Amino acid sequence: MLTNNDPSRSFIEQIRLVLHRIEDAILVGLLLLMMGMSVIQIFLRNLFESGISWSDVLVRILVLWVGLVGAMVASRQGNHITIDILNRYLPNHIKILASFVIELFTAGICSIAAYYSLLFAHMEFIDGSLVFAQVPTWLGVAIIPFSFAVIGLRYFLLAFVNFKKILGFPS
């Protein structure tokens, strides 16, 4: 088993592992915050007949963030939602080609989604509206373009790996 301090790991591999751990920590932190806010709100409503006025909005924003950070985590190795019927019946060289096309298509769609969601976040920035408390709306939706850009980049890299396999280079 290799550890982070193992000299056989490349510098890039070590950076990748650190980034994955940061990503995991952010996901866990967001999930705990979301659950904690929900529990506190239930506690306050049931025992004191009051609550935090912006808690429900925060939890909705956190659901968005948890979902998209979770999608980023799932896209690390191409483990996002897939339909694997082709992998059962196609020969190996055709599987690689099909994976390349699917990953390239996914990367393209995610890139388009990142672009248009960035325009949306920019419009929210220009508008200057607040989502709750003193938090601007653009900050609440900033995860959308970021996550689609990361997922798109990951699928471009996965497509590149399969393209190298198609050309006969080792991965």
C-alpha atoms as a PDB file:
ATOM      1  CA  MET A   1       0.000   0.000   0.000  1.00  0.00           C
ATOM      2  CA  LEU A   2       1.362   3.397  -0.991  1.00  0.00           C
ATOM      3  CA  THR A   3       1.209   6.385   1.329  1.00  0.00           C
ATOM      4  CA  ASN A   4       1.322  10.077   0.493  1.00  0.00           C
ATOM      5  CA  ASN A   5       5.006  10.160   1.509  1.00  0.00           C
ATOM      6  CA  ASP A   6       5.934   7.233  -0.718  1.00  0.00           C
ATOM      7  CA  PRO A   7       8.765   8.369  -3.054  1.00  0.00           C
ATOM      8  CA  SER A   8       7.454   6.130  -5.844  1.00  0.00           C
ATOM      9  CA  ARG A   9       4.484   8.444  -6.296  1.00  0.00           C
ATOM     10  CA  SER A  10       4.976  11.317  -8.668  1.00  0.00           C
ATOM     11  CA  PHE A  11       4.552  14.903  -7.567  1.00  0.00           C
ATOM     12  CA  ILE A  12       1.450  15.210  -9.762  1.00  0.00           C
ATOM     13  CA  GLU A  13      -0.063  12.086  -8.203  1.00  0.00           C
ATOM     14  CA  GLN A  14       0.539  13.483  -4.712  1.00  0.00           C
ATOM     15  CA  ILE A  15      -1.121  16.792  -5.662  1.00  0.00           C
ATOM     16  CA  ARG A  16      -4.059  14.871  -7.113  1.00  0.00           C
ATOM     17  CA  LEU A  17      -4.471  12.914  -3.877  1.00  0.00           C
ATOM     18  CA  VAL A  18      -4.349  16.097  -1.785  1.00  0.00           C
ATOM     19  CA  LEU A  19      -6.969  17.729  -4.027  1.00  0.00           C
ATOM     20  CA  HIS A  20      -9.188  14.648  -3.719  1.00  0.00           C
ATOM     21  CA  ARG A  21      -8.928  14.780   0.059  1.00  0.00           C
ATOM     22  CA  ILE A  22      -9.784  18.493   0.066  1.00  0.00           C
ATOM     23  CA  GLU A  23     -12.755  17.776  -2.184  1.00  0.00           C
ATOM     24  CA  ASP A  24     -13.892  14.966   0.142  1.00  0.00           C
ATOM     25  CA  ALA A  25     -13.506  17.226   3.187  1.00  0.00           C
ATOM     26  CA  ILE A  26     -15.562  19.982   1.555  1.00  0.00           C
ATOM     27  CA  LEU A  27     -18.298  17.494   0.696  1.00  0.00           C
ATOM     28  CA  VAL A  28     -18.384  16.085   4.241  1.00  0.00           C
ATOM     29  CA  GLY A  29     -18.307  19.581   5.752  1.00  0.00           C
ATOM     30  CA  LEU A  30     -21.192  20.784   3.583  1.00  0.00           C
ATOM     31  CA  LEU A  31     -23.220  17.685   4.383  1.00  0.00           C
ATOM     32  CA  LEU A  32     -22.615  18.064   8.122  1.00  0.00           C
ATOM     33  CA  LEU A  33     -23.521  21.758   7.964  1.00  0.00           C
ATOM     34  CA  MET A  34     -26.708  20.956   6.073  1.00  0.00           C
ATOM     35  CA  MET A  35     -27.716  18.264   8.560  1.00  0.00           C
ATOM     36  CA  GLY A  36     -26.722  20.411  11.528  1.00  0.00           C
ATOM     37  CA  MET A  37     -28.764  23.385  10.350  1.00  0.00           C
ATOM     38  CA  SER A  38     -31.776  21.127   9.801  1.00  0.00           C
ATOM     39  CA  VAL A  39     -31.486  19.578  13.282  1.00  0.00           C
ATOM     40  CA  ILE A  40     -31.049  22.986  14.926  1.00  0.00           C
ATOM     41  CA  GLN A  41     -34.063  24.333  13.065  1.00  0.00           C
ATOM     42  CA  ILE A  42     -36.217  21.363  14.136  1.00  0.00           C
ATOM     43  CA  PHE A  43     -35.000  21.737  17.716  1.00  0.00           C
ATOM     44  CA  LEU A  44     -35.758  25.483  17.786  1.00  0.00           C
ATOM     45  CA  ARG A  45     -39.200  25.093  16.201  1.00  0.00           C
ATOM     46  CA  ASN A  46     -40.344  22.229  18.419  1.00  0.00           C
ATOM     47  CA  LEU A  47     -38.974  23.427  21.757  1.00  0.00           C
ATOM     48  CA  PHE A  48     -39.009  27.198  21.462  1.00  0.00           C
ATOM     49  CA  GLU A  49     -41.555  27.805  18.687  1.00  0.00           C
ATOM     50  CA  SER A  50     -39.033  29.927  16.846  1.00  0.00           C
ATOM     51  CA  GLY A  51     -36.198  29.358  14.429  1.00  0.00           C
ATOM     52  CA  ILE A  52     -33.545  30.929  12.267  1.00  0.00           C
ATOM     53  CA  SER A  53     -35.351  32.858   9.537  1.00  0.00           C
ATOM     54  CA  TRP A  54     -32.783  32.126   6.814  1.00  0.00           C
ATOM     55  CA  SER A  55     -32.062  28.510   7.774  1.00  0.00           C
ATOM     56  CA  ASP A  56     -34.416  26.954   5.207  1.00  0.00           C
ATOM     57  CA  VAL A  57     -32.871  28.987   2.387  1.00  0.00           C
ATOM     58  CA  LEU A  58     -29.370  28.030   3.538  1.00  0.00           C
ATOM     59  CA  VAL A  59     -30.305  24.345   3.565  1.00  0.00           C
ATOM     60  CA  ARG A  60     -31.663  24.635   0.002  1.00  0.00           C
ATOM     61  CA  ILE A  61     -28.410  26.254  -1.135  1.00  0.00           C
ATOM     62  CA  LEU A  62     -26.446  23.540   0.691  1.00  0.00           C
ATOM     63  CA  VAL A  63     -28.451  20.827  -1.111  1.00  0.00           C
ATOM     64  CA  LEU A  64     -27.335  22.401  -4.407  1.00  0.00           C
ATOM     65  CA  TRP A  65     -23.717  22.550  -3.239  1.00  0.00           C
ATOM     66  CA  VAL A  66     -23.711  18.982  -1.867  1.00  0.00           C
ATOM     67  CA  GLY A  67     -25.229  17.653  -5.082  1.00  0.00           C
ATOM     68  CA  LEU A  68     -22.732  19.382  -7.352  1.00  0.00           C
ATOM     69  CA  VAL A  69     -19.666  18.700  -5.215  1.00  0.00           C
ATOM     70  CA  GLY A  70     -20.858  15.075  -5.062  1.00  0.00           C
ATOM     71  CA  ALA A  71     -21.071  15.066  -8.863  1.00  0.00           C
ATOM     72  CA  MET A  72     -17.490  16.362  -9.007  1.00  0.00           C
ATOM     73  CA  VAL A  73     -16.359  13.559  -6.702  1.00  0.00           C
ATOM     74  CA  ALA A  74     -18.210  10.976  -8.807  1.00  0.00           C
ATOM     75  CA  SER A  75     -16.560  12.241 -11.985  1.00  0.00           C
ATOM     76  CA  ARG A  76     -13.006  11.640 -10.716  1.00  0.00           C
ATOM     77  CA  GLN A  77     -12.609   8.300 -12.440  1.00  0.00           C
ATOM     78  CA  GLY A  78     -15.613   8.447 -14.744  1.00  0.00           C
ATOM     79  CA  ASN A  79     -17.891   6.926 -12.099  1.00  0.00           C
ATOM     80  CA  HIS A  80     -20.712   9.293 -12.822  1.00  0.00           C
ATOM     81  CA  ILE A  81     -24.086   7.997 -13.988  1.00  0.00           C
ATOM     82  CA  THR A  82     -23.501   5.670 -16.929  1.00  0.00           C
ATOM     83  CA  ILE A  83     -25.365   3.075 -18.925  1.00  0.00           C
ATOM     84  CA  ASP A  84     -23.079   0.074 -19.242  1.00  0.00           C
ATOM     85  CA  ILE A  85     -24.979  -2.071 -21.708  1.00  0.00           C
ATOM     86  CA  LEU A  86     -22.319  -1.468 -24.357  1.00  0.00           C
ATOM     87  CA  ASN A  87     -19.524  -2.780 -22.148  1.00  0.00           C
ATOM     88  CA  ARG A  88     -21.141  -6.212 -21.965  1.00  0.00           C
ATOM     89  CA  TYR A  89     -21.376  -6.853 -25.686  1.00  0.00           C
ATOM     90  CA  LEU A  90     -18.682  -4.849 -27.458  1.00  0.00           C
ATOM     91  CA  PRO A  91     -15.136  -6.032 -28.129  1.00  0.00           C
ATOM     92  CA  ASN A  92     -12.462  -4.250 -26.093  1.00  0.00           C
ATOM     93  CA  HIS A  93     -11.162  -1.949 -28.858  1.00  0.00           C
ATOM     94  CA  ILE A  94     -14.712  -0.781 -29.647  1.00  0.00           C
ATOM     95  CA  LYS A  95     -15.399  -0.229 -25.921  1.00  0.00           C
ATOM     96  CA  ILE A  96     -12.430   2.119 -25.773  1.00  0.00           C
ATOM     97  CA  LEU A  97     -13.661   4.016 -28.832  1.00  0.00           C
ATOM     98  CA  ALA A  98     -17.209   4.218 -27.419  1.00  0.00           C
ATOM     99  CA  SER A  99     -15.843   5.445 -24.074  1.00  0.00           C
ATOM    100  CA  PHE A 100     -13.782   8.074 -25.862  1.00  0.00           C
ATOM    101  CA  VAL A 101     -16.807   9.393 -27.769  1.00  0.00           C
ATOM    102  CA  ILE A 102     -19.045   9.369 -24.672  1.00  0.00           C
ATOM    103  CA  GLU A 103     -16.434  11.084 -22.501  1.00  0.00           C
ATOM    104  CA  LEU A 104     -15.746  13.710 -25.160  1.00  0.00           C
ATOM    105  CA  PHE A 105     -19.493  14.354 -25.553  1.00  0.00           C
ATOM    106  CA  THR A 106     -19.904  14.593 -21.751  1.00  0.00           C
ATOM    107  CA  ALA A 107     -16.986  17.018 -21.540  1.00  0.00           C
ATOM    108  CA  GLY A 108     -18.508  19.165 -24.274  1.00  0.00           C
ATOM    109  CA  ILE A 109     -21.934  19.286 -22.634  1.00  0.00           C
ATOM    110  CA  CYS A 110     -20.387  20.107 -19.239  1.00  0.00           C
ATOM    111  CA  SER A 111     -18.311  22.871 -20.829  1.00  0.00           C
ATOM    112  CA  ILE A 112     -21.408  24.406 -22.388  1.00  0.00           C
ATOM    113  CA  ALA A 113     -23.261  24.129 -19.065  1.00  0.00           C
ATOM    114  CA  ALA A 114     -20.280  25.754 -17.278  1.00  0.00           C
ATOM    115  CA  TYR A 115     -20.285  28.662 -19.732  1.00  0.00           C
ATOM    116  CA  TYR A 116     -24.002  29.392 -19.478  1.00  0.00           C
ATOM    117  CA  SER A 117     -24.100  28.925 -15.721  1.00  0.00           C
ATOM    118  CA  LEU A 118     -21.166  31.346 -15.462  1.00  0.00           C
ATOM    119  CA  LEU A 119     -23.260  33.874 -17.402  1.00  0.00           C
ATOM    120  CA  PHE A 120     -26.105  33.218 -14.944  1.00  0.00           C
ATOM    121  CA  ALA A 121     -23.837  33.735 -11.916  1.00  0.00           C
ATOM    122  CA  HIS A 122     -22.488  36.914 -13.511  1.00  0.00           C
ATOM    123  CA  MET A 123     -26.040  38.230 -13.989  1.00  0.00           C
ATOM    124  CA  GLU A 124     -26.711  37.533 -10.312  1.00  0.00           C
ATOM    125  CA  PHE A 125     -23.503  39.376  -9.448  1.00  0.00           C
ATOM    126  CA  ILE A 126     -24.558  42.388 -11.514  1.00  0.00           C
ATOM    127  CA  ASP A 127     -28.053  42.302  -9.979  1.00  0.00           C
ATOM    128  CA  GLY A 128     -26.590  42.414  -6.466  1.00  0.00           C
ATOM    129  CA  SER A 129     -29.473  40.533  -4.835  1.00  0.00           C
ATOM    130  CA  LEU A 130     -29.092  38.672  -1.544  1.00  0.00           C
ATOM    131  CA  VAL A 131     -30.036  35.020  -1.064  1.00  0.00           C
ATOM    132  CA  PHE A 132     -30.213  35.218   2.762  1.00  0.00           C
ATOM    133  CA  ALA A 133     -28.740  37.329   5.562  1.00  0.00           C
ATOM    134  CA  GLN A 134     -26.018  39.365   3.825  1.00  0.00           C
ATOM    135  CA  VAL A 135     -24.934  36.579   1.428  1.00  0.00           C
ATOM    136  CA  PRO A 136     -25.158  37.568  -2.254  1.00  0.00           C
ATOM    137  CA  THR A 137     -27.083  35.304  -4.604  1.00  0.00           C
ATOM    138  CA  TRP A 138     -24.117  34.913  -6.954  1.00  0.00           C
ATOM    139  CA  LEU A 139     -22.152  33.260  -4.154  1.00  0.00           C
ATOM    140  CA  GLY A 140     -24.948  30.725  -3.636  1.00  0.00           C
ATOM    141  CA  VAL A 141     -24.927  29.729  -7.308  1.00  0.00           C
ATOM    142  CA  ALA A 142     -21.154  29.985  -7.881  1.00  0.00           C
ATOM    143  CA  ILE A 143     -20.808  26.227  -7.433  1.00  0.00           C
ATOM    144  CA  ILE A 144     -22.741  25.597 -10.650  1.00  0.00           C
ATOM    145  CA  PRO A 145     -20.182  26.915 -13.182  1.00  0.00           C
ATOM    146  CA  PHE A 146     -17.260  25.721 -11.052  1.00  0.00           C
ATOM    147  CA  SER A 147     -18.528  22.150 -10.747  1.00  0.00           C
ATOM    148  CA  PHE A 148     -19.453  21.860 -14.426  1.00  0.00           C
ATOM    149  CA  ALA A 149     -16.016  23.205 -15.391  1.00  0.00           C
ATOM    150  CA  VAL A 150     -14.267  20.654 -13.136  1.00  0.00           C
ATOM    151  CA  ILE A 151     -16.435  17.784 -14.403  1.00  0.00           C
ATOM    152  CA  GLY A 152     -15.870  18.882 -18.006  1.00  0.00           C
ATOM    153  CA  LEU A 153     -12.108  19.039 -17.487  1.00  0.00           C
ATOM    154  CA  ARG A 154     -12.088  15.604 -15.890  1.00  0.00           C
ATOM    155  CA  TYR A 155     -14.011  14.086 -18.789  1.00  0.00           C
ATOM    156  CA  PHE A 156     -11.688  15.766 -21.309  1.00  0.00           C
ATOM    157  CA  LEU A 157      -8.775  14.128 -19.467  1.00  0.00           C
ATOM    158  CA  LEU A 158     -10.547  10.748 -19.417  1.00  0.00           C
ATOM    159  CA  ALA A 159     -11.236  11.094 -23.155  1.00  0.00           C
ATOM    160  CA  PHE A 160      -7.557  11.923 -23.719  1.00  0.00           C
ATOM    161  CA  VAL A 161      -6.511   8.735 -21.875  1.00  0.00           C
ATOM    162  CA  ASN A 162      -8.823   6.674 -24.086  1.00  0.00           C
ATOM    163  CA  PHE A 163      -7.590   8.508 -27.178  1.00  0.00           C
ATOM    164  CA  LYS A 164      -4.027   7.471 -26.287  1.00  0.00           C
ATOM    165  CA  LYS A 165      -5.261   3.861 -25.939  1.00  0.00           C
ATOM    166  CA  ILE A 166      -6.893   4.082 -29.385  1.00  0.00           C
ATOM    167  CA  LEU A 167      -3.584   5.211 -30.866  1.00  0.00           C
ATOM    168  CA  GLY A 168      -1.795   2.368 -29.068  1.00  0.00           C
ATOM    169  CA  PHE A 169       0.069   4.387 -26.433  1.00  0.00           C
ATOM    170  CA  PRO A 170       0.217   3.001 -22.883  1.00  0.00           C
ATOM    171  CA  SER A 171      -2.023   4.781 -20.372  1.00  0.00           C
END
